[in-house]
Amino acid sequence: MDEARIGLDFRRGLVRESLNGGVDVQWGIWLHAGRFISCAVVCCSPNRDADYRCPAT
């Protein structure tokens, strides 16, 4: 699906909801000339899928 059709505000809302729920987020889009960019945010604490504490705390 085209990035513009999904909408940045909608995607940001999903990211906010996921992180508040303790879920990591992976976001990637195709760029021009066959390049791909990927961004990951790890939900540190609490993370619903990890039994260990955040190393920063």
PDB file of N, CA and C in Angstrom:
ATOM      1  N   MET A   1       0.843  -1.180   0.000  1.00  0.00           N
ATOM      2  CA  MET A   1       0.000   0.000   0.000  1.00  0.00           C
ATOM      3  C   MET A   1       0.886   1.240   0.000  1.00  0.00           C
ATOM      4  N   ASP A   2       0.514   2.208  -0.719  1.00  0.00           N
ATOM      5  CA  ASP A   2       1.274   3.434  -0.846  1.00  0.00           C
ATOM      6  C   ASP A   2       1.313   4.190   0.477  1.00  0.00           C
ATOM      7  N   GLU A   3       2.495   4.677   0.842  1.00  0.00           N
ATOM      8  CA  GLU A   3       2.673   5.395   2.115  1.00  0.00           C
ATOM      9  C   GLU A   3       1.698   6.558   2.269  1.00  0.00           C
ATOM     10  N   ALA A   4       1.502   7.314   1.198  1.00  0.00           N
ATOM     11  CA  ALA A   4       0.605   8.469   1.267  1.00  0.00           C
ATOM     12  C   ALA A   4      -0.835   8.050   1.516  1.00  0.00           C
ATOM     13  N   ARG A   5      -1.231   6.892   1.038  1.00  0.00           N
ATOM     14  CA  ARG A   5      -2.607   6.420   1.236  1.00  0.00           C
ATOM     15  C   ARG A   5      -2.855   5.980   2.670  1.00  0.00           C
ATOM     16  N   ILE A   6      -1.832   5.462   3.320  1.00  0.00           N
ATOM     17  CA  ILE A   6      -1.985   5.025   4.708  1.00  0.00           C
ATOM     18  C   ILE A   6      -2.125   6.239   5.618  1.00  0.00           C
ATOM     19  N   GLY A   7      -1.290   7.216   5.413  1.00  0.00           N
ATOM     20  CA  GLY A   7      -1.344   8.443   6.206  1.00  0.00           C
ATOM     21  C   GLY A   7      -0.425   8.401   7.409  1.00  0.00           C
ATOM     22  N   LEU A   8       0.378   9.427   7.538  1.00  0.00           N
ATOM     23  CA  LEU A   8       1.345   9.510   8.628  1.00  0.00           C
ATOM     24  C   LEU A   8       0.662   9.604   9.988  1.00  0.00           C
ATOM     25  N   ASP A   9      -0.409  10.357  10.098  1.00  0.00           N
ATOM     26  CA  ASP A   9      -1.111  10.475  11.381  1.00  0.00           C
ATOM     27  C   ASP A   9      -1.660   9.133  11.843  1.00  0.00           C
ATOM     28  N   PHE A  10      -2.195   8.356  10.919  1.00  0.00           N
ATOM     29  CA  PHE A  10      -2.716   7.021  11.254  1.00  0.00           C
ATOM     30  C   PHE A  10      -1.581   6.123  11.746  1.00  0.00           C
ATOM     31  N   ARG A  11      -0.449   6.136  11.035  1.00  0.00           N
ATOM     32  CA  ARG A  11       0.687   5.293  11.428  1.00  0.00           C
ATOM     33  C   ARG A  11       1.241   5.718  12.783  1.00  0.00           C
ATOM     34  N   ARG A  12       1.343   7.018  13.015  1.00  0.00           N
ATOM     35  CA  ARG A  12       1.829   7.497  14.318  1.00  0.00           C
ATOM     36  C   ARG A  12       0.907   7.060  15.447  1.00  0.00           C
ATOM     37  N   GLY A  13      -0.381   7.091  15.201  1.00  0.00           N
ATOM     38  CA  GLY A  13      -1.334   6.630  16.206  1.00  0.00           C
ATOM     39  C   GLY A  13      -1.139   5.165  16.547  1.00  0.00           C
ATOM     40  N   LEU A  14      -0.898   4.341  15.526  1.00  0.00           N
ATOM     41  CA  LEU A  14      -0.645   2.917  15.766  1.00  0.00           C
ATOM     42  C   LEU A  14       0.648   2.696  16.547  1.00  0.00           C
ATOM     43  N   VAL A  15       1.674   3.470  16.215  1.00  0.00           N
ATOM     44  CA  VAL A  15       2.945   3.365  16.928  1.00  0.00           C
ATOM     45  C   VAL A  15       2.769   3.745  18.395  1.00  0.00           C
ATOM     46  N   ARG A  16       2.099   4.852  18.643  1.00  0.00           N
ATOM     47  CA  ARG A  16       1.858   5.308  20.022  1.00  0.00           C
ATOM     48  C   ARG A  16       1.084   4.253  20.813  1.00  0.00           C
ATOM     49  N   GLU A  17       0.062   3.703  20.201  1.00  0.00           N
ATOM     50  CA  GLU A  17      -0.758   2.676  20.849  1.00  0.00           C
ATOM     51  C   GLU A  17       0.072   1.425  21.145  1.00  0.00           C
ATOM     52  N   SER A  18       0.895   1.013  20.201  1.00  0.00           N
ATOM     53  CA  SER A  18       1.723  -0.179  20.391  1.00  0.00           C
ATOM     54  C   SER A  18       2.730   0.010  21.515  1.00  0.00           C
ATOM     55  N   LEU A  19       3.460   1.123  21.505  1.00  0.00           N
ATOM     56  CA  LEU A  19       4.459   1.359  22.541  1.00  0.00           C
ATOM     57  C   LEU A  19       3.822   1.482  23.926  1.00  0.00           C
ATOM     58  N   ASN A  20       2.679   2.142  24.016  1.00  0.00           N
ATOM     59  CA  ASN A  20       1.972   2.235  25.301  1.00  0.00           C
ATOM     60  C   ASN A  20       1.499   0.874  25.785  1.00  0.00           C
ATOM     61  N   GLY A  21       1.275  -0.055  24.851  1.00  0.00           N
ATOM     62  CA  GLY A  21       0.854  -1.405  25.206  1.00  0.00           C
ATOM     63  C   GLY A  21       2.003  -2.362  25.447  1.00  0.00           C
ATOM     64  N   GLY A  22       3.250  -1.860  25.399  1.00  0.00           N
ATOM     65  CA  GLY A  22       4.402  -2.708  25.672  1.00  0.00           C
ATOM     66  C   GLY A  22       4.867  -3.518  24.479  1.00  0.00           C
ATOM     67  N   VAL A  23       4.601  -3.039  23.266  1.00  0.00           N
ATOM     68  CA  VAL A  23       4.948  -3.776  22.048  1.00  0.00           C
ATOM     69  C   VAL A  23       6.003  -3.003  21.263  1.00  0.00           C
ATOM     70  N   ASP A  24       7.037  -3.706  20.792  1.00  0.00           N
ATOM     71  CA  ASP A  24       8.053  -3.096  19.943  1.00  0.00           C
ATOM     72  C   ASP A  24       7.434  -2.710  18.601  1.00  0.00           C
ATOM     73  N   VAL A  25       8.067  -1.759  17.923  1.00  0.00           N
ATOM     74  CA  VAL A  25       7.546  -1.267  16.644  1.00  0.00           C
ATOM     75  C   VAL A  25       8.637  -1.347  15.585  1.00  0.00           C
ATOM     76  N   GLN A  26       8.291  -1.849  14.414  1.00  0.00           N
ATOM     77  CA  GLN A  26       9.176  -1.884  13.251  1.00  0.00           C
ATOM     78  C   GLN A  26       8.461  -1.183  12.115  1.00  0.00           C
ATOM     79  N   TRP A  27       9.109  -0.203  11.486  1.00  0.00           N
ATOM     80  CA  TRP A  27       8.477   0.591  10.452  1.00  0.00           C
ATOM     81  C   TRP A  27       9.460   0.707   9.297  1.00  0.00           C
ATOM     82  N   GLY A  28       9.036   0.366   8.105  1.00  0.00           N
ATOM     83  CA  GLY A  28       9.915   0.465   6.951  1.00  0.00           C
ATOM     84  C   GLY A  28       9.159   0.918   5.714  1.00  0.00           C
ATOM     85  N   ILE A  29       9.847   1.636   4.847  1.00  0.00           N
ATOM     86  CA  ILE A  29       9.238   2.070   3.588  1.00  0.00           C
ATOM     87  C   ILE A  29      10.278   1.988   2.474  1.00  0.00           C
ATOM     88  N   TRP A  30       9.774   1.752   1.280  1.00  0.00           N
ATOM     89  CA  TRP A  30      10.629   1.758   0.096  1.00  0.00           C
ATOM     90  C   TRP A  30      10.866   3.190  -0.341  1.00  0.00           C
ATOM     91  N   LEU A  31      12.114   3.495  -0.680  1.00  0.00           N
ATOM     92  CA  LEU A  31      12.500   4.799  -1.190  1.00  0.00           C
ATOM     93  C   LEU A  31      12.737   4.686  -2.697  1.00  0.00           C
ATOM     94  N   HIS A  32      13.132   5.762  -3.307  1.00  0.00           N
ATOM     95  CA  HIS A  32      13.431   5.762  -4.734  1.00  0.00           C
ATOM     96  C   HIS A  32      14.664   4.908  -5.027  1.00  0.00           C
ATOM     97  N   ALA A  33      14.778   4.455  -6.241  1.00  0.00           N
ATOM     98  CA  ALA A  33      15.940   3.691  -6.730  1.00  0.00           C
ATOM     99  C   ALA A  33      16.120   2.368  -5.992  1.00  0.00           C
ATOM    100  N   GLY A  34      15.038   1.764  -5.542  1.00  0.00           N
ATOM    101  CA  GLY A  34      15.100   0.451  -4.920  1.00  0.00           C
ATOM    102  C   GLY A  34      15.713   0.403  -3.539  1.00  0.00           C
ATOM    103  N   ARG A  35      15.782   1.512  -2.866  1.00  0.00           N
ATOM    104  CA  ARG A  35      16.323   1.547  -1.499  1.00  0.00           C
ATOM    105  C   ARG A  35      15.192   1.400  -0.490  1.00  0.00           C
ATOM    106  N   PHE A  36      15.531   0.853   0.655  1.00  0.00           N
ATOM    107  CA  PHE A  36      14.558   0.607   1.718  1.00  0.00           C
ATOM    108  C   PHE A  36      15.102   1.180   3.007  1.00  0.00           C
ATOM    109  N   ILE A  37      14.260   1.855   3.760  1.00  0.00           N
ATOM    110  CA  ILE A  37      14.665   2.379   5.069  1.00  0.00           C
ATOM    111  C   ILE A  37      13.813   1.710   6.139  1.00  0.00           C
ATOM    112  N   SER A  38      14.459   1.370   7.233  1.00  0.00           N
ATOM    113  CA  SER A  38      13.773   0.676   8.310  1.00  0.00           C
ATOM    114  C   SER A  38      14.105   1.359   9.630  1.00  0.00           C
ATOM    115  N   CYS A  39      13.117   1.478  10.477  1.00  0.00           N
ATOM    116  CA  CYS A  39      13.296   2.088  11.789  1.00  0.00           C
ATOM    117  C   CYS A  39      12.632   1.181  12.825  1.00  0.00           C
ATOM    118  N   ALA A  40      13.338   0.906  13.886  1.00  0.00           N
ATOM    119  CA  ALA A  40      12.789   0.062  14.942  1.00  0.00           C
ATOM    120  C   ALA A  40      12.852   0.807  16.272  1.00  0.00           C
ATOM    121  N   VAL A  41      11.798   0.659  17.065  1.00  0.00           N
ATOM    122  CA  VAL A  41      11.763   1.210  18.413  1.00  0.00           C
ATOM    123  C   VAL A  41      11.437   0.059  19.353  1.00  0.00           C
ATOM    124  N   VAL A  42      12.313  -0.170  20.300  1.00  0.00           N
ATOM    125  CA  VAL A  42      12.113  -1.249  21.258  1.00  0.00           C
ATOM    126  C   VAL A  42      11.469  -0.662  22.498  1.00  0.00           C
ATOM    127  N   CYS A  43      10.323  -1.208  22.857  1.00  0.00           N
ATOM    128  CA  CYS A  43       9.625  -0.775  24.065  1.00  0.00           C
ATOM    129  C   CYS A  43      10.377  -1.363  25.249  1.00  0.00           C
ATOM    130  N   CYS A  44      10.977  -0.503  26.020  1.00  0.00           N
ATOM    131  CA  CYS A  44      11.900  -0.955  27.054  1.00  0.00           C
ATOM    132  C   CYS A  44      11.187  -1.447  28.316  1.00  0.00           C
ATOM    133  N   SER A  45      10.325  -0.664  28.862  1.00  0.00           N
ATOM    134  CA  SER A  45       9.727  -1.079  30.118  1.00  0.00           C
ATOM    135  C   SER A  45       8.360  -0.414  30.291  1.00  0.00           C
ATOM    136  N   PRO A  46       7.326  -1.178  30.426  1.00  0.00           N
ATOM    137  CA  PRO A  46       7.297  -2.630  30.379  1.00  0.00           C
ATOM    138  C   PRO A  46       7.163  -3.132  28.943  1.00  0.00           C
ATOM    139  N   ASN A  47       7.873  -4.196  28.639  1.00  0.00           N
ATOM    140  CA  ASN A  47       7.749  -4.859  27.339  1.00  0.00           C
ATOM    141  C   ASN A  47       7.003  -6.158  27.587  1.00  0.00           C
ATOM    142  N   ARG A  48       5.862  -6.321  26.942  1.00  0.00           N
ATOM    143  CA  ARG A  48       5.026  -7.481  27.244  1.00  0.00           C
ATOM    144  C   ARG A  48       5.626  -8.806  26.785  1.00  0.00           C
ATOM    145  N   ASP A  49       6.671  -8.756  25.924  1.00  0.00           N
ATOM    146  CA  ASP A  49       7.275  -9.989  25.423  1.00  0.00           C
ATOM    147  C   ASP A  49       8.627 -10.296  26.047  1.00  0.00           C
ATOM    148  N   ALA A  50       9.095  -9.477  26.988  1.00  0.00           N
ATOM    149  CA  ALA A  50      10.407  -9.692  27.598  1.00  0.00           C
ATOM    150  C   ALA A  50      10.264  -9.769  29.107  1.00  0.00           C
ATOM    151  N   ASP A  51      11.004 -10.709  29.691  1.00  0.00           N
ATOM    152  CA  ASP A  51      10.943 -10.907  31.140  1.00  0.00           C
ATOM    153  C   ASP A  51      12.036 -10.135  31.892  1.00  0.00           C
ATOM    154  N   TYR A  52      12.817  -9.344  31.185  1.00  0.00           N
ATOM    155  CA  TYR A  52      13.902  -8.624  31.836  1.00  0.00           C
ATOM    156  C   TYR A  52      13.636  -7.127  31.830  1.00  0.00           C
ATOM    157  N   ARG A  53      14.270  -6.421  32.719  1.00  0.00           N
ATOM    158  CA  ARG A  53      14.088  -4.978  32.813  1.00  0.00           C
ATOM    159  C   ARG A  53      14.925  -4.266  31.770  1.00  0.00           C
ATOM    160  N   CYS A  54      14.573  -3.057  31.508  1.00  0.00           N
ATOM    161  CA  CYS A  54      15.310  -2.202  30.589  1.00  0.00           C
ATOM    162  C   CYS A  54      16.706  -1.946  31.156  1.00  0.00           C
ATOM    163  N   PRO A  55      17.757  -2.064  30.350  1.00  0.00           N
ATOM    164  CA  PRO A  55      19.106  -1.821  30.883  1.00  0.00           C
ATOM    165  C   PRO A  55      19.331  -0.371  31.317  1.00  0.00           C
ATOM    166  N   ALA A  56      18.502   0.549  30.844  1.00  0.00           N
ATOM    167  CA  ALA A  56      18.680   1.953  31.198  1.00  0.00           C
ATOM    168  C   ALA A  56      18.076   2.296  32.555  1.00  0.00           C
ATOM    169  N   THR A  57      17.303   1.380  33.147  1.00  0.00           N
ATOM    170  CA  THR A  57      16.678   1.682  34.433  1.00  0.00           C
ATOM    171  C   THR A  57      17.361   0.987  35.576  1.00  0.00           C
TER     172      THR A  57
END
